Amino acid sequence: MTTTDKRGKAVFASLSSPYFPALVALFIGVMLISNITGTKGVVLFDSWLHLDVGPIHLNGLVTDGAFYLFPLAYVLGDVISEVYGFKAMRRTILAGFAVLLLASLCFWATIHLPAADFYDGQDAFERVAGVVPQFLLAGLAGYLAGEFLNSFVLVKMKQRAGEKRLWARLLGSTVVGEFADTLVFCSIAASALGISTWGDFVNYTAVGFIWKTLVEILVMPITYAVVAWLKKAEPSYQQALTEVNTADV
């Protein structure tokens, strides 16, 4: 039923921000795609990269299929945290968690639905979309730990520095968040990916952490530009900034 006022006219809630919902949707989309592509183990440069240092034996760079996409989630998390604050990012993280959990339940339910006689892709569907409890636990645990720490560190640093030193909080929050995410995920998911040696585990964890951190550093100019544009475009941010500057005078 449509909500009406006393005069019989339809009324609707207003959207407080035209940008925040789009950022949330993009963030959740990236996380959802990453959790699917991340179930594939990948080895890069195995034809020439070989290194033996003590217990560590590297035969190529061991990573997963989400290595090129996952860093974008932290860039989006930085933008949301910087402009909208920890409370907004916390809601975004929880919404993403709910969607990831729902997606996993839907994949599980769809796999167990009886396949039609003409459908010959059941095995392929199970291999791609099959819910492996170990991967699900690893992805959700790493996601929660990494994203919460990333946002928390960034906001706390901003509370100390104000609008200054954006680069420092982008880098600092990334190092903490990405390390927590990578360590938690790899510790839980490594055996399910077939990683059985200490060297491969260190390789997998280190490559994931270093790669994600380097990507965020490389795209930092873009992050700066997006943050600057969004701060100017959001009327509420400009109003809050004016109130702070007026109070300091």
C-alpha atoms as a PDB file:
ATOM      1  CA  MET A   1       0.000   0.000   0.000  1.00  0.00           C
ATOM      2  CA  THR A   2       1.298   3.449  -0.881  1.00  0.00           C
ATOM      3  CA  THR A   3       1.771   5.757   2.083  1.00  0.00           C
ATOM      4  CA  THR A   4      -0.487   8.839   1.927  1.00  0.00           C
ATOM      5  CA  ASP A   5      -0.805  12.013   3.942  1.00  0.00           C
ATOM      6  CA  LYS A   6      -4.081  13.433   5.285  1.00  0.00           C
ATOM      7  CA  ARG A   7      -4.834  15.091   1.948  1.00  0.00           C
ATOM      8  CA  GLY A   8      -4.626  11.784   0.118  1.00  0.00           C
ATOM      9  CA  LYS A   9      -1.398  12.585  -1.737  1.00  0.00           C
ATOM     10  CA  ALA A  10       1.363  10.028  -1.970  1.00  0.00           C
ATOM     11  CA  VAL A  11       4.471  10.840   0.056  1.00  0.00           C
ATOM     12  CA  PHE A  12       7.968   9.397  -0.204  1.00  0.00           C
ATOM     13  CA  ALA A  13      11.147   9.524   1.825  1.00  0.00           C
ATOM     14  CA  SER A  14      13.855  11.759   0.410  1.00  0.00           C
ATOM     15  CA  LEU A  15      17.308  10.545  -0.514  1.00  0.00           C
ATOM     16  CA  SER A  16      19.822  12.370   1.659  1.00  0.00           C
ATOM     17  CA  SER A  17      22.697  11.688  -0.748  1.00  0.00           C
ATOM     18  CA  PRO A  18      22.715  10.916  -4.478  1.00  0.00           C
ATOM     19  CA  TYR A  19      26.231   9.423  -4.259  1.00  0.00           C
ATOM     20  CA  PHE A  20      26.317   7.238  -1.165  1.00  0.00           C
ATOM     21  CA  PRO A  21      23.923   4.531  -2.447  1.00  0.00           C
ATOM     22  CA  ALA A  22      25.956   4.196  -5.656  1.00  0.00           C
ATOM     23  CA  LEU A  23      29.188   3.795  -3.674  1.00  0.00           C
ATOM     24  CA  VAL A  24      27.583   1.160  -1.442  1.00  0.00           C
ATOM     25  CA  ALA A  25      26.257  -0.754  -4.454  1.00  0.00           C
ATOM     26  CA  LEU A  26      29.658  -0.696  -6.163  1.00  0.00           C
ATOM     27  CA  PHE A  27      31.424  -1.774  -2.965  1.00  0.00           C
ATOM     28  CA  ILE A  28      29.081  -4.715  -2.415  1.00  0.00           C
ATOM     29  CA  GLY A  29      29.305  -5.690  -6.081  1.00  0.00           C
ATOM     30  CA  VAL A  30      33.097  -5.764  -5.957  1.00  0.00           C
ATOM     31  CA  MET A  31      33.051  -7.871  -2.787  1.00  0.00           C
ATOM     32  CA  LEU A  32      30.543 -10.315  -4.270  1.00  0.00           C
ATOM     33  CA  ILE A  33      32.506 -10.781  -7.506  1.00  0.00           C
ATOM     34  CA  SER A  34      35.797 -11.061  -5.609  1.00  0.00           C
ATOM     35  CA  ASN A  35      34.473 -13.819  -3.371  1.00  0.00           C
ATOM     36  CA  ILE A  36      33.537 -15.854  -6.427  1.00  0.00           C
ATOM     37  CA  THR A  37      36.670 -15.277  -8.507  1.00  0.00           C
ATOM     38  CA  GLY A  38      38.845 -15.689  -5.401  1.00  0.00           C
ATOM     39  CA  THR A  39      38.045 -19.404  -5.187  1.00  0.00           C
ATOM     40  CA  LYS A  40      40.398 -20.090  -8.110  1.00  0.00           C
ATOM     41  CA  GLY A  41      44.026 -20.625  -7.245  1.00  0.00           C
ATOM     42  CA  VAL A  42      46.414 -18.823  -9.598  1.00  0.00           C
ATOM     43  CA  VAL A  43      50.174 -19.011 -10.136  1.00  0.00           C
ATOM     44  CA  LEU A  44      51.894 -16.148 -11.940  1.00  0.00           C
ATOM     45  CA  PHE A  45      55.403 -16.120 -13.486  1.00  0.00           C
ATOM     46  CA  ASP A  46      56.000 -19.787 -12.620  1.00  0.00           C
ATOM     47  CA  SER A  47      58.100 -20.245 -15.762  1.00  0.00           C
ATOM     48  CA  TRP A  48      60.941 -18.058 -14.480  1.00  0.00           C
ATOM     49  CA  LEU A  49      60.396 -16.985 -10.881  1.00  0.00           C
ATOM     50  CA  HIS A  50      62.073 -19.483  -8.551  1.00  0.00           C
ATOM     51  CA  LEU A  51      63.522 -18.689  -5.141  1.00  0.00           C
ATOM     52  CA  ASP A  52      64.724 -20.831  -2.238  1.00  0.00           C
ATOM     53  CA  VAL A  53      65.344 -19.044   1.050  1.00  0.00           C
ATOM     54  CA  GLY A  54      65.459 -21.346   4.068  1.00  0.00           C
ATOM     55  CA  PRO A  55      62.053 -23.004   4.489  1.00  0.00           C
ATOM     56  CA  ILE A  56      60.517 -20.781   1.794  1.00  0.00           C
ATOM     57  CA  HIS A  57      60.450 -22.226  -1.704  1.00  0.00           C
ATOM     58  CA  LEU A  58      58.885 -19.983  -4.340  1.00  0.00           C
ATOM     59  CA  ASN A  59      57.868 -21.337  -7.704  1.00  0.00           C
ATOM     60  CA  GLY A  60      55.993 -18.411  -9.143  1.00  0.00           C
ATOM     61  CA  LEU A  61      53.668 -16.058  -7.316  1.00  0.00           C
ATOM     62  CA  VAL A  62      50.788 -17.914  -5.703  1.00  0.00           C
ATOM     63  CA  THR A  63      47.591 -15.883  -5.530  1.00  0.00           C
ATOM     64  CA  ASP A  64      43.901 -16.216  -6.406  1.00  0.00           C
ATOM     65  CA  GLY A  65      41.531 -15.099  -9.144  1.00  0.00           C
ATOM     66  CA  ALA A  66      40.483 -11.925  -7.320  1.00  0.00           C
ATOM     67  CA  PHE A  67      43.949 -10.400  -7.090  1.00  0.00           C
ATOM     68  CA  TYR A  68      43.218  -7.734  -9.734  1.00  0.00           C
ATOM     69  CA  LEU A  69      39.814  -6.709  -8.353  1.00  0.00           C
ATOM     70  CA  PHE A  70      39.840  -7.012  -4.580  1.00  0.00           C
ATOM     71  CA  PRO A  71      41.995  -3.905  -3.915  1.00  0.00           C
ATOM     72  CA  LEU A  72      39.186  -1.789  -5.370  1.00  0.00           C
ATOM     73  CA  ALA A  73      37.029  -2.724  -2.381  1.00  0.00           C
ATOM     74  CA  TYR A  74      39.528  -1.042  -0.062  1.00  0.00           C
ATOM     75  CA  VAL A  75      39.716   2.033  -2.261  1.00  0.00           C
ATOM     76  CA  LEU A  76      35.925   2.319  -2.063  1.00  0.00           C
ATOM     77  CA  GLY A  77      36.068   1.678   1.669  1.00  0.00           C
ATOM     78  CA  ASP A  78      38.577   4.500   2.070  1.00  0.00           C
ATOM     79  CA  VAL A  79      36.406   6.898   0.091  1.00  0.00           C
ATOM     80  CA  ILE A  80      33.270   6.063   2.094  1.00  0.00           C
ATOM     81  CA  SER A  81      35.120   6.269   5.428  1.00  0.00           C
ATOM     82  CA  GLU A  82      36.840   9.552   4.561  1.00  0.00           C
ATOM     83  CA  VAL A  83      33.709  11.326   3.353  1.00  0.00           C
ATOM     84  CA  TYR A  84      30.876   9.705   5.306  1.00  0.00           C
ATOM     85  CA  GLY A  85      32.581   8.419   8.464  1.00  0.00           C
ATOM     86  CA  PHE A  86      32.892   5.147  10.356  1.00  0.00           C
ATOM     87  CA  LYS A  87      29.172   4.789  11.108  1.00  0.00           C
ATOM     88  CA  ALA A  88      28.286   4.898   7.407  1.00  0.00           C
ATOM     89  CA  MET A  89      31.083   2.472   6.526  1.00  0.00           C
ATOM     90  CA  ARG A  90      29.997   0.124   9.311  1.00  0.00           C
ATOM     91  CA  ARG A  91      26.512   0.007   7.794  1.00  0.00           C
ATOM     92  CA  THR A  92      28.066  -0.625   4.377  1.00  0.00           C
ATOM     93  CA  ILE A  93      30.205  -3.468   5.727  1.00  0.00           C
ATOM     94  CA  LEU A  94      27.233  -5.113   7.419  1.00  0.00           C
ATOM     95  CA  ALA A  95      25.129  -4.744   4.262  1.00  0.00           C
ATOM     96  CA  GLY A  96      27.936  -6.363   2.259  1.00  0.00           C
ATOM     97  CA  PHE A  97      28.198  -9.172   4.811  1.00  0.00           C
ATOM     98  CA  ALA A  98      24.463  -9.837   4.509  1.00  0.00           C
ATOM     99  CA  VAL A  99      24.635  -9.910   0.697  1.00  0.00           C
ATOM    100  CA  LEU A 100      27.642 -12.257   0.685  1.00  0.00           C
ATOM    101  CA  LEU A 101      25.901 -14.594   3.100  1.00  0.00           C
ATOM    102  CA  LEU A 102      22.682 -14.463   1.080  1.00  0.00           C
ATOM    103  CA  ALA A 103      24.590 -15.170  -2.133  1.00  0.00           C
ATOM    104  CA  SER A 104      26.225 -18.206  -0.566  1.00  0.00           C
ATOM    105  CA  LEU A 105      22.884 -19.548   0.647  1.00  0.00           C
ATOM    106  CA  CYS A 106      21.355 -18.993  -2.803  1.00  0.00           C
ATOM    107  CA  PHE A 107      24.236 -20.783  -4.517  1.00  0.00           C
ATOM    108  CA  TRP A 108      23.886 -23.685  -2.094  1.00  0.00           C
ATOM    109  CA  ALA A 109      20.121 -23.895  -2.585  1.00  0.00           C
ATOM    110  CA  THR A 110      20.363 -23.654  -6.389  1.00  0.00           C
ATOM    111  CA  ILE A 111      22.964 -26.428  -6.552  1.00  0.00           C
ATOM    112  CA  HIS A 112      20.640 -28.744  -4.641  1.00  0.00           C
ATOM    113  CA  LEU A 113      17.595 -28.014  -6.779  1.00  0.00           C
ATOM    114  CA  PRO A 114      16.796 -30.935  -9.143  1.00  0.00           C
ATOM    115  CA  ALA A 115      18.391 -30.291 -12.530  1.00  0.00           C
ATOM    116  CA  ALA A 116      16.287 -30.476 -15.682  1.00  0.00           C
ATOM    117  CA  ASP A 117      16.972 -33.331 -18.102  1.00  0.00           C
ATOM    118  CA  PHE A 118      18.192 -30.894 -20.770  1.00  0.00           C
ATOM    119  CA  TYR A 119      20.606 -29.115 -18.401  1.00  0.00           C
ATOM    120  CA  ASP A 120      24.142 -30.466 -18.692  1.00  0.00           C
ATOM    121  CA  GLY A 121      25.998 -27.808 -16.679  1.00  0.00           C
ATOM    122  CA  GLN A 122      25.380 -29.105 -13.166  1.00  0.00           C
ATOM    123  CA  ASP A 123      28.980 -30.186 -12.533  1.00  0.00           C
ATOM    124  CA  ALA A 124      30.375 -26.925 -13.904  1.00  0.00           C
ATOM    125  CA  PHE A 125      27.908 -24.880 -11.861  1.00  0.00           C
ATOM    126  CA  GLU A 126      28.849 -26.739  -8.701  1.00  0.00           C
ATOM    127  CA  ARG A 127      32.551 -26.202  -9.331  1.00  0.00           C
ATOM    128  CA  VAL A 128      32.152 -22.457  -9.832  1.00  0.00           C
ATOM    129  CA  ALA A 129      29.334 -21.562  -7.448  1.00  0.00           C
ATOM    130  CA  GLY A 130      29.605 -24.395  -4.973  1.00  0.00           C
ATOM    131  CA  VAL A 131      29.668 -23.195  -1.389  1.00  0.00           C
ATOM    132  CA  VAL A 132      32.785 -24.516   0.293  1.00  0.00           C
ATOM    133  CA  PRO A 133      32.279 -23.867   4.024  1.00  0.00           C
ATOM    134  CA  GLN A 134      36.002 -23.233   4.462  1.00  0.00           C
ATOM    135  CA  PHE A 135      36.033 -20.551   1.745  1.00  0.00           C
ATOM    136  CA  LEU A 136      32.841 -18.996   3.043  1.00  0.00           C
ATOM    137  CA  LEU A 137      34.241 -18.757   6.562  1.00  0.00           C
ATOM    138  CA  ALA A 138      37.580 -17.435   5.297  1.00  0.00           C
ATOM    139  CA  GLY A 139      35.984 -14.819   3.067  1.00  0.00           C
ATOM    140  CA  LEU A 140      33.525 -13.536   5.642  1.00  0.00           C
ATOM    141  CA  ALA A 141      36.051 -13.510   8.497  1.00  0.00           C
ATOM    142  CA  GLY A 142      38.722 -11.763   6.437  1.00  0.00           C
ATOM    143  CA  TYR A 143      36.183  -9.304   5.060  1.00  0.00           C
ATOM    144  CA  LEU A 144      34.899  -8.283   8.490  1.00  0.00           C
ATOM    145  CA  ALA A 145      38.337  -8.026  10.099  1.00  0.00           C
ATOM    146  CA  GLY A 146      39.959  -6.150   7.221  1.00  0.00           C
ATOM    147  CA  GLU A 147      37.200  -3.692   6.378  1.00  0.00           C
ATOM    148  CA  PHE A 148      36.387  -2.776   9.968  1.00  0.00           C
ATOM    149  CA  LEU A 149      40.056  -2.178  10.794  1.00  0.00           C
ATOM    150  CA  ASN A 150      40.612  -0.248   7.566  1.00  0.00           C
ATOM    151  CA  SER A 151      37.736   2.123   8.284  1.00  0.00           C
ATOM    152  CA  PHE A 152      38.458   2.415  12.004  1.00  0.00           C
ATOM    153  CA  VAL A 153      42.122   3.327  11.515  1.00  0.00           C
ATOM    154  CA  LEU A 154      41.346   5.843   8.756  1.00  0.00           C
ATOM    155  CA  VAL A 155      38.649   7.620  10.780  1.00  0.00           C
ATOM    156  CA  LYS A 156      40.756   7.701  13.955  1.00  0.00           C
ATOM    157  CA  MET A 157      43.672   9.212  12.028  1.00  0.00           C
ATOM    158  CA  LYS A 158      41.348  11.788  10.488  1.00  0.00           C
ATOM    159  CA  GLN A 159      40.033  12.758  13.907  1.00  0.00           C
ATOM    160  CA  ARG A 160      43.600  13.623  14.859  1.00  0.00           C
ATOM    161  CA  ALA A 161      44.724  15.340  11.663  1.00  0.00           C
ATOM    162  CA  GLY A 162      41.491  16.770  10.280  1.00  0.00           C
ATOM    163  CA  GLU A 163      41.612  17.362   6.528  1.00  0.00           C
ATOM    164  CA  LYS A 164      45.405  17.207   6.444  1.00  0.00           C
ATOM    165  CA  ARG A 165      47.603  14.234   5.495  1.00  0.00           C
ATOM    166  CA  LEU A 166      45.040  12.208   3.583  1.00  0.00           C
ATOM    167  CA  TRP A 167      47.867  10.160   2.069  1.00  0.00           C
ATOM    168  CA  ALA A 168      48.984   9.030   5.534  1.00  0.00           C
ATOM    169  CA  ARG A 169      45.591   7.710   6.578  1.00  0.00           C
ATOM    170  CA  LEU A 170      44.973   6.085   3.192  1.00  0.00           C
ATOM    171  CA  LEU A 171      48.268   4.247   3.443  1.00  0.00           C
ATOM    172  CA  GLY A 172      48.068   3.501   7.167  1.00  0.00           C
ATOM    173  CA  SER A 173      44.545   2.145   7.036  1.00  0.00           C
ATOM    174  CA  THR A 174      45.375   0.054   3.980  1.00  0.00           C
ATOM    175  CA  VAL A 175      48.394  -1.580   5.593  1.00  0.00           C
ATOM    176  CA  VAL A 176      46.410  -2.519   8.716  1.00  0.00           C
ATOM    177  CA  GLY A 177      43.230  -3.562   6.920  1.00  0.00           C
ATOM    178  CA  GLU A 178      44.837  -5.466   4.066  1.00  0.00           C
ATOM    179  CA  PHE A 179      47.214  -7.300   6.404  1.00  0.00           C
ATOM    180  CA  ALA A 180      44.380  -8.404   8.689  1.00  0.00           C
ATOM    181  CA  ASP A 181      42.176  -9.428   5.774  1.00  0.00           C
ATOM    182  CA  THR A 182      44.918 -11.324   3.955  1.00  0.00           C
ATOM    183  CA  LEU A 183      46.239 -13.093   7.043  1.00  0.00           C
ATOM    184  CA  VAL A 184      42.800 -14.178   8.257  1.00  0.00           C
ATOM    185  CA  PHE A 185      41.614 -15.297   4.813  1.00  0.00           C
ATOM    186  CA  CYS A 186      44.805 -17.133   3.880  1.00  0.00           C
ATOM    187  CA  SER A 187      45.060 -18.858   7.263  1.00  0.00           C
ATOM    188  CA  ILE A 188      41.580 -20.329   6.864  1.00  0.00           C
ATOM    189  CA  ALA A 189      41.398 -20.885   3.088  1.00  0.00           C
ATOM    190  CA  ALA A 190      44.938 -22.024   2.240  1.00  0.00           C
ATOM    191  CA  SER A 191      44.363 -25.740   2.721  1.00  0.00           C
ATOM    192  CA  ALA A 192      41.138 -25.645   0.677  1.00  0.00           C
ATOM    193  CA  LEU A 193      43.100 -24.105  -2.214  1.00  0.00           C
ATOM    194  CA  GLY A 194      45.599 -26.959  -2.051  1.00  0.00           C
ATOM    195  CA  ILE A 195      48.363 -24.991  -0.301  1.00  0.00           C
ATOM    196  CA  SER A 196      50.140 -27.486   1.912  1.00  0.00           C
ATOM    197  CA  THR A 197      53.658 -26.164   2.485  1.00  0.00           C
ATOM    198  CA  TRP A 198      54.849 -23.318   4.688  1.00  0.00           C
ATOM    199  CA  GLY A 199      56.647 -21.738   1.746  1.00  0.00           C
ATOM    200  CA  ASP A 200      53.519 -21.639  -0.409  1.00  0.00           C
ATOM    201  CA  PHE A 201      51.504 -20.242   2.500  1.00  0.00           C
ATOM    202  CA  VAL A 202      54.010 -17.439   3.113  1.00  0.00           C
ATOM    203  CA  ASN A 203      54.134 -16.822  -0.636  1.00  0.00           C
ATOM    204  CA  TYR A 204      50.341 -16.718  -0.924  1.00  0.00           C
ATOM    205  CA  THR A 205      49.927 -14.426   2.099  1.00  0.00           C
ATOM    206  CA  ALA A 206      52.825 -12.089   1.290  1.00  0.00           C
ATOM    207  CA  VAL A 207      51.928 -11.747  -2.387  1.00  0.00           C
ATOM    208  CA  GLY A 208      48.319 -10.988  -1.532  1.00  0.00           C
ATOM    209  CA  PHE A 209      49.212  -8.371   1.051  1.00  0.00           C
ATOM    210  CA  ILE A 210      51.971  -6.680  -0.962  1.00  0.00           C
ATOM    211  CA  TRP A 211      49.974  -6.685  -4.174  1.00  0.00           C
ATOM    212  CA  LYS A 212      46.841  -5.181  -2.623  1.00  0.00           C
ATOM    213  CA  THR A 213      48.868  -2.536  -0.803  1.00  0.00           C
ATOM    214  CA  LEU A 214      50.850  -1.602  -3.921  1.00  0.00           C
ATOM    215  CA  VAL A 215      47.679  -1.300  -5.987  1.00  0.00           C
ATOM    216  CA  GLU A 216      46.149   1.108  -3.503  1.00  0.00           C
ATOM    217  CA  ILE A 217      49.342   3.171  -3.495  1.00  0.00           C
ATOM    218  CA  LEU A 218      49.357   3.268  -7.298  1.00  0.00           C
ATOM    219  CA  VAL A 219      45.737   4.375  -7.505  1.00  0.00           C
ATOM    220  CA  MET A 220      46.079   6.867  -4.648  1.00  0.00           C
ATOM    221  CA  PRO A 221      45.969   9.853  -7.053  1.00  0.00           C
ATOM    222  CA  ILE A 222      42.607   8.582  -8.292  1.00  0.00           C
ATOM    223  CA  THR A 223      41.419   8.106  -4.721  1.00  0.00           C
ATOM    224  CA  TYR A 224      42.517  11.679  -3.949  1.00  0.00           C
ATOM    225  CA  ALA A 225      40.577  12.995  -6.942  1.00  0.00           C
ATOM    226  CA  VAL A 226      37.417  11.041  -6.090  1.00  0.00           C
ATOM    227  CA  VAL A 227      37.537  12.116  -2.434  1.00  0.00           C
ATOM    228  CA  ALA A 228      38.098  15.774  -3.371  1.00  0.00           C
ATOM    229  CA  TRP A 229      35.251  15.750  -5.891  1.00  0.00           C
ATOM    230  CA  LEU A 230      32.871  13.978  -3.529  1.00  0.00           C
ATOM    231  CA  LYS A 231      33.617  16.344  -0.661  1.00  0.00           C
ATOM    232  CA  LYS A 232      32.729  19.298  -2.881  1.00  0.00           C
ATOM    233  CA  ALA A 233      29.664  17.588  -4.346  1.00  0.00           C
ATOM    234  CA  GLU A 234      28.156  16.555  -1.015  1.00  0.00           C
ATOM    235  CA  PRO A 235      26.280  19.579   0.446  1.00  0.00           C
ATOM    236  CA  SER A 236      26.226  18.047   3.920  1.00  0.00           C
ATOM    237  CA  TYR A 237      30.019  17.691   3.914  1.00  0.00           C
ATOM    238  CA  GLN A 238      30.513  21.310   2.926  1.00  0.00           C
ATOM    239  CA  GLN A 239      28.075  22.390   5.608  1.00  0.00           C
ATOM    240  CA  ALA A 240      29.855  20.346   8.274  1.00  0.00           C
ATOM    241  CA  LEU A 241      33.226  21.688   7.127  1.00  0.00           C
ATOM    242  CA  THR A 242      31.938  25.260   7.330  1.00  0.00           C
ATOM    243  CA  GLU A 243      30.605  24.674  10.840  1.00  0.00           C
ATOM    244  CA  VAL A 244      33.959  23.284  11.991  1.00  0.00           C
ATOM    245  CA  ASN A 245      35.932  26.155  10.466  1.00  0.00           C
ATOM    246  CA  THR A 246      33.535  28.705  11.978  1.00  0.00           C
ATOM    247  CA  ALA A 247      33.835  27.119  15.400  1.00  0.00           C
ATOM    248  CA  ASP A 248      37.640  27.260  15.199  1.00  0.00           C
ATOM    249  CA  VAL A 249      37.658  31.003  14.475  1.00  0.00           C
END
